[in-house]
Amino acid sequence: MRIILSLILITGFNLGYGQSVQEIKDQISTQFTPNSDGVNDLWGPEINQSNYSLKIYTRWGKLIYTSTDVNQRWDGSYMGRPCESGVYIYIVELLINSKQEIIKGTVELFK
């Protein structure tokens, strides 16, 4: 009889299976500076999920960004134009331990 043992090690801040909603929310950055200096220019949760969606809204409820690609980050623009500095609302939908979860929060864009 032959036994094969596999070990998968995930490091860093990639989150996913086995994480609680609160643990994931605690790891999501609350601010970013899309000023093209190469530091903190993009925003998005670093989540290791295949079933994922991200939506970003203005404080007035206008949808300005959506993605289902965990590797794609928001660059602080809407329709090719830079957004104003301010607070934006995000909604992340994902599967955690085979259960659909929704994480809501805010992110502040600084110029």
N, C-alpha and C. Protein backbone atom coordinates (compact mmCIF):
# COMPACT_ATOMS: atom_id res chain seq x y z
N MET A 1 0.85 -1.17 0.00
CA MET A 1 0.00 0.00 0.00
C MET A 1 0.89 1.23 0.00
N ARG A 2 0.49 2.24 -0.79
CA ARG A 2 1.26 3.47 -0.91
C ARG A 2 0.43 4.63 -0.36
N ILE A 3 1.03 5.44 0.50
CA ILE A 3 0.34 6.58 1.11
C ILE A 3 1.01 7.85 0.61
N ILE A 4 0.19 8.77 0.15
CA ILE A 4 0.70 10.06 -0.31
C ILE A 4 0.20 11.12 0.67
N LEU A 5 1.12 11.90 1.17
CA LEU A 5 0.78 12.95 2.12
C LEU A 5 1.11 14.29 1.49
N SER A 6 0.15 15.18 1.49
CA SER A 6 0.36 16.53 0.94
C SER A 6 0.24 17.54 2.06
N LEU A 7 1.09 18.55 2.00
CA LEU A 7 1.05 19.64 2.97
C LEU A 7 1.01 20.95 2.21
N ILE A 8 0.02 21.75 2.51
CA ILE A 8 -0.08 23.07 1.90
C ILE A 8 0.12 24.10 3.00
N LEU A 9 1.06 25.01 2.77
CA LEU A 9 1.37 26.05 3.74
C LEU A 9 1.05 27.40 3.12
N ILE A 10 0.20 28.15 3.78
CA ILE A 10 -0.15 29.49 3.32
C ILE A 10 0.43 30.48 4.32
N THR A 11 1.20 31.44 3.79
CA THR A 11 1.81 32.42 4.67
C THR A 11 1.37 33.82 4.28
N GLY A 12 1.77 34.77 5.06
CA GLY A 12 1.42 36.16 4.78
C GLY A 12 0.01 36.46 5.25
N PHE A 13 -0.64 37.38 4.55
CA PHE A 13 -1.98 37.80 4.95
C PHE A 13 -3.06 37.24 4.04
N ASN A 14 -2.75 36.22 3.26
CA ASN A 14 -3.79 35.59 2.46
C ASN A 14 -4.74 34.87 3.39
N LEU A 15 -6.01 35.13 3.21
CA LEU A 15 -7.01 34.60 4.11
C LEU A 15 -7.99 33.75 3.33
N GLY A 16 -8.64 32.85 4.01
CA GLY A 16 -9.62 32.04 3.31
C GLY A 16 -10.13 30.94 4.21
N TYR A 17 -9.99 29.71 3.78
CA TYR A 17 -10.55 28.58 4.48
C TYR A 17 -10.10 28.57 5.94
N GLY A 18 -11.04 28.39 6.83
CA GLY A 18 -10.72 28.32 8.24
C GLY A 18 -10.73 29.65 8.95
N GLN A 19 -10.83 30.74 8.21
CA GLN A 19 -10.84 32.07 8.82
C GLN A 19 -12.27 32.49 9.12
N SER A 20 -12.44 33.23 10.19
CA SER A 20 -13.76 33.77 10.50
C SER A 20 -13.95 35.08 9.76
N VAL A 21 -15.20 35.52 9.67
CA VAL A 21 -15.50 36.80 9.03
C VAL A 21 -14.74 37.92 9.73
N GLN A 22 -14.72 37.91 11.06
CA GLN A 22 -14.05 38.97 11.80
C GLN A 22 -12.54 38.96 11.56
N GLU A 23 -11.94 37.78 11.48
CA GLU A 23 -10.50 37.69 11.21
C GLU A 23 -10.17 38.27 9.84
N ILE A 24 -11.00 37.99 8.86
CA ILE A 24 -10.78 38.54 7.52
C ILE A 24 -10.97 40.04 7.54
N LYS A 25 -12.04 40.52 8.16
CA LYS A 25 -12.31 41.96 8.21
C LYS A 25 -11.18 42.70 8.92
N ASP A 26 -10.62 42.12 9.96
CA ASP A 26 -9.52 42.76 10.69
C ASP A 26 -8.26 42.92 9.84
N GLN A 27 -8.10 42.10 8.80
CA GLN A 27 -6.92 42.17 7.94
C GLN A 27 -7.09 43.12 6.75
N ILE A 28 -8.31 43.60 6.51
CA ILE A 28 -8.56 44.47 5.36
C ILE A 28 -8.13 45.90 5.70
N SER A 29 -7.30 46.46 4.86
CA SER A 29 -6.80 47.82 5.05
C SER A 29 -7.95 48.82 5.01
N THR A 30 -7.85 49.87 5.80
CA THR A 30 -8.92 50.87 5.87
C THR A 30 -8.57 52.15 5.12
N GLN A 31 -7.40 52.19 4.49
CA GLN A 31 -7.03 53.40 3.75
C GLN A 31 -5.98 53.07 2.69
N PHE A 32 -5.92 53.93 1.66
CA PHE A 32 -4.89 53.80 0.64
C PHE A 32 -4.68 55.14 -0.05
N THR A 33 -3.56 55.23 -0.77
CA THR A 33 -3.15 56.50 -1.39
C THR A 33 -2.79 56.27 -2.86
N PRO A 34 -3.78 56.30 -3.75
CA PRO A 34 -3.50 56.05 -5.17
C PRO A 34 -2.87 57.26 -5.86
N ASN A 35 -1.62 57.54 -5.50
CA ASN A 35 -0.94 58.73 -6.04
C ASN A 35 0.24 58.37 -6.94
N SER A 36 0.29 57.14 -7.40
CA SER A 36 1.32 56.66 -8.34
C SER A 36 2.75 56.74 -7.81
N ASP A 37 2.91 56.65 -6.48
CA ASP A 37 4.27 56.64 -5.93
C ASP A 37 4.79 55.21 -5.73
N GLY A 38 3.98 54.22 -6.09
CA GLY A 38 4.39 52.83 -5.96
C GLY A 38 4.17 52.24 -4.58
N VAL A 39 3.61 53.03 -3.65
CA VAL A 39 3.36 52.57 -2.29
C VAL A 39 1.87 52.72 -1.99
N ASN A 40 1.21 51.62 -1.68
CA ASN A 40 -0.19 51.67 -1.26
C ASN A 40 -1.10 52.33 -2.32
N ASP A 41 -0.81 52.10 -3.60
CA ASP A 41 -1.57 52.72 -4.69
C ASP A 41 -2.86 51.98 -5.04
N LEU A 42 -2.93 50.71 -4.68
CA LEU A 42 -4.10 49.89 -4.99
C LEU A 42 -4.73 49.39 -3.71
N TRP A 43 -6.05 49.14 -3.76
CA TRP A 43 -6.74 48.66 -2.57
C TRP A 43 -7.58 47.44 -2.91
N GLY A 44 -7.58 46.51 -2.01
CA GLY A 44 -8.43 45.32 -2.10
C GLY A 44 -8.02 44.33 -1.05
N PRO A 45 -8.96 43.55 -0.57
CA PRO A 45 -8.62 42.55 0.44
C PRO A 45 -7.74 41.46 -0.16
N GLU A 46 -6.79 40.99 0.61
CA GLU A 46 -5.92 39.89 0.18
C GLU A 46 -6.54 38.61 0.70
N ILE A 47 -7.36 38.00 -0.15
CA ILE A 47 -8.14 36.84 0.25
C ILE A 47 -7.84 35.69 -0.69
N ASN A 48 -7.62 34.52 -0.15
CA ASN A 48 -7.35 33.33 -0.95
C ASN A 48 -8.67 32.60 -1.18
N GLN A 49 -9.45 33.06 -2.13
CA GLN A 49 -10.77 32.50 -2.41
C GLN A 49 -10.98 32.40 -3.91
N SER A 50 -11.71 31.41 -4.34
CA SER A 50 -12.06 31.32 -5.76
C SER A 50 -13.47 31.87 -6.00
N ASN A 51 -14.33 31.81 -5.01
CA ASN A 51 -15.69 32.33 -5.13
C ASN A 51 -15.75 33.64 -4.35
N TYR A 52 -15.59 34.76 -5.05
CA TYR A 52 -15.38 36.05 -4.40
C TYR A 52 -15.95 37.16 -5.26
N SER A 53 -16.50 38.18 -4.63
CA SER A 53 -16.85 39.40 -5.36
C SER A 53 -16.61 40.60 -4.44
N LEU A 54 -16.20 41.70 -5.06
CA LEU A 54 -15.95 42.95 -4.35
C LEU A 54 -16.72 44.05 -5.06
N LYS A 55 -17.44 44.84 -4.28
CA LYS A 55 -18.14 46.02 -4.81
C LYS A 55 -17.76 47.21 -3.95
N ILE A 56 -17.54 48.35 -4.61
CA ILE A 56 -17.21 49.58 -3.91
C ILE A 56 -18.21 50.65 -4.32
N TYR A 57 -18.72 51.36 -3.30
CA TYR A 57 -19.74 52.38 -3.49
C TYR A 57 -19.27 53.71 -2.93
N THR A 58 -19.82 54.80 -3.48
CA THR A 58 -19.60 56.11 -2.88
C THR A 58 -20.44 56.18 -1.61
N ARG A 59 -20.24 57.21 -0.82
CA ARG A 59 -21.03 57.35 0.41
C ARG A 59 -22.50 57.63 0.11
N TRP A 60 -22.81 57.96 -1.15
CA TRP A 60 -24.20 58.18 -1.56
C TRP A 60 -24.82 56.93 -2.18
N GLY A 61 -24.06 55.84 -2.21
CA GLY A 61 -24.59 54.57 -2.67
C GLY A 61 -24.40 54.26 -4.14
N LYS A 62 -23.61 55.03 -4.84
CA LYS A 62 -23.36 54.78 -6.26
C LYS A 62 -22.27 53.72 -6.41
N LEU A 63 -22.57 52.65 -7.15
CA LEU A 63 -21.59 51.60 -7.40
C LEU A 63 -20.53 52.13 -8.36
N ILE A 64 -19.26 52.10 -7.93
CA ILE A 64 -18.19 52.63 -8.79
C ILE A 64 -17.13 51.59 -9.15
N TYR A 65 -17.16 50.42 -8.51
CA TYR A 65 -16.15 49.40 -8.82
C TYR A 65 -16.72 48.03 -8.47
N THR A 66 -16.43 47.06 -9.31
CA THR A 66 -16.80 45.69 -9.02
C THR A 66 -15.76 44.75 -9.61
N SER A 67 -15.50 43.64 -8.91
CA SER A 67 -14.53 42.66 -9.38
C SER A 67 -14.86 41.30 -8.79
N THR A 68 -14.57 40.26 -9.56
CA THR A 68 -14.66 38.89 -9.05
C THR A 68 -13.28 38.22 -9.09
N ASP A 69 -12.26 38.99 -9.36
CA ASP A 69 -10.88 38.51 -9.44
C ASP A 69 -10.14 38.90 -8.16
N VAL A 70 -9.77 37.91 -7.34
CA VAL A 70 -9.10 38.21 -6.07
C VAL A 70 -7.75 38.88 -6.25
N ASN A 71 -7.18 38.80 -7.44
CA ASN A 71 -5.88 39.42 -7.70
C ASN A 71 -5.99 40.84 -8.23
N GLN A 72 -7.19 41.28 -8.53
CA GLN A 72 -7.40 42.63 -9.06
C GLN A 72 -7.71 43.58 -7.90
N ARG A 73 -7.05 44.73 -7.89
CA ARG A 73 -7.24 45.72 -6.84
C ARG A 73 -7.79 47.01 -7.43
N TRP A 74 -8.51 47.76 -6.63
CA TRP A 74 -9.07 49.04 -7.05
C TRP A 74 -7.98 50.09 -7.06
N ASP A 75 -7.91 50.86 -8.14
CA ASP A 75 -6.88 51.90 -8.27
C ASP A 75 -7.37 53.28 -7.88
N GLY A 76 -8.56 53.36 -7.28
CA GLY A 76 -9.08 54.65 -6.83
C GLY A 76 -9.70 55.47 -7.93
N SER A 77 -10.07 54.82 -9.02
CA SER A 77 -10.68 55.56 -10.13
C SER A 77 -12.07 55.02 -10.45
N TYR A 78 -12.82 55.83 -11.18
CA TYR A 78 -14.14 55.45 -11.68
C TYR A 78 -14.24 55.93 -13.12
N MET A 79 -14.49 55.00 -14.02
CA MET A 79 -14.59 55.30 -15.46
C MET A 79 -13.35 56.04 -15.97
N GLY A 80 -12.17 55.61 -15.47
CA GLY A 80 -10.91 56.17 -15.94
C GLY A 80 -10.50 57.48 -15.31
N ARG A 81 -11.30 57.99 -14.40
CA ARG A 81 -10.97 59.26 -13.73
C ARG A 81 -10.72 59.02 -12.25
N PRO A 82 -9.74 59.73 -11.67
CA PRO A 82 -9.46 59.57 -10.24
C PRO A 82 -10.66 59.99 -9.39
N CYS A 83 -10.94 59.21 -8.38
CA CYS A 83 -12.00 59.55 -7.43
C CYS A 83 -11.49 60.59 -6.44
N GLU A 84 -12.42 61.28 -5.83
CA GLU A 84 -12.09 62.28 -4.81
C GLU A 84 -11.60 61.59 -3.54
N SER A 85 -10.80 62.30 -2.76
CA SER A 85 -10.44 61.82 -1.43
C SER A 85 -11.72 61.67 -0.63
N GLY A 86 -11.78 60.65 0.21
CA GLY A 86 -12.96 60.46 1.03
C GLY A 86 -13.15 59.01 1.41
N VAL A 87 -14.29 58.74 2.02
CA VAL A 87 -14.62 57.41 2.52
C VAL A 87 -15.53 56.71 1.51
N TYR A 88 -15.20 55.46 1.22
CA TYR A 88 -15.97 54.63 0.30
C TYR A 88 -16.40 53.36 1.03
N ILE A 89 -17.52 52.81 0.63
CA ILE A 89 -18.06 51.61 1.25
C ILE A 89 -17.72 50.41 0.39
N TYR A 90 -17.28 49.32 1.02
CA TYR A 90 -17.02 48.09 0.27
C TYR A 90 -17.91 46.97 0.79
N ILE A 91 -18.23 46.07 -0.11
CA ILE A 91 -18.95 44.84 0.23
C ILE A 91 -18.21 43.69 -0.44
N VAL A 92 -17.77 42.74 0.38
CA VAL A 92 -17.08 41.55 -0.11
C VAL A 92 -18.01 40.36 0.14
N GLU A 93 -18.24 39.57 -0.89
CA GLU A 93 -19.01 38.34 -0.75
C GLU A 93 -18.07 37.18 -1.07
N LEU A 94 -18.07 36.16 -0.21
CA LEU A 94 -17.20 35.02 -0.40
C LEU A 94 -17.71 33.82 0.35
N LEU A 95 -17.15 32.67 0.04
CA LEU A 95 -17.47 31.44 0.76
C LEU A 95 -16.44 31.22 1.85
N ILE A 96 -16.92 30.99 3.06
CA ILE A 96 -16.04 30.65 4.18
C ILE A 96 -16.59 29.37 4.78
N ASN A 97 -15.78 28.32 4.75
CA ASN A 97 -16.20 27.02 5.25
C ASN A 97 -17.53 26.59 4.64
N SER A 98 -17.65 26.74 3.33
CA SER A 98 -18.82 26.36 2.53
C SER A 98 -20.07 27.18 2.84
N LYS A 99 -19.91 28.33 3.46
CA LYS A 99 -21.05 29.20 3.78
C LYS A 99 -20.83 30.56 3.12
N GLN A 100 -21.85 31.06 2.43
CA GLN A 100 -21.77 32.38 1.81
C GLN A 100 -21.74 33.44 2.90
N GLU A 101 -20.74 34.31 2.87
CA GLU A 101 -20.58 35.37 3.87
C GLU A 101 -20.48 36.72 3.18
N ILE A 102 -20.89 37.76 3.89
CA ILE A 102 -20.79 39.13 3.39
C ILE A 102 -20.02 39.94 4.42
N ILE A 103 -19.00 40.64 3.94
CA ILE A 103 -18.19 41.51 4.80
C ILE A 103 -18.36 42.93 4.29
N LYS A 104 -18.78 43.82 5.18
CA LYS A 104 -18.98 45.22 4.81
C LYS A 104 -18.05 46.10 5.63
N GLY A 105 -17.61 47.19 5.02
CA GLY A 105 -16.75 48.11 5.73
C GLY A 105 -16.50 49.36 4.91
N THR A 106 -15.57 50.16 5.38
CA THR A 106 -15.22 51.39 4.67
C THR A 106 -13.72 51.44 4.43
N VAL A 107 -13.36 52.15 3.38
CA VAL A 107 -11.96 52.40 3.05
C VAL A 107 -11.85 53.88 2.73
N GLU A 108 -10.79 54.50 3.23
CA GLU A 108 -10.59 55.93 2.98
C GLU A 108 -9.51 56.12 1.93
N LEU A 109 -9.85 56.89 0.91
CA LEU A 109 -8.93 57.21 -0.18
C LEU A 109 -8.30 58.56 0.13
N PHE A 110 -6.97 58.58 0.22
CA PHE A 110 -6.21 59.82 0.45
C PHE A 110 -5.44 60.15 -0.82
N LYS A 111 -5.41 61.40 -1.18
CA LYS A 111 -4.60 61.84 -2.33
C LYS A 111 -3.36 62.53 -1.84
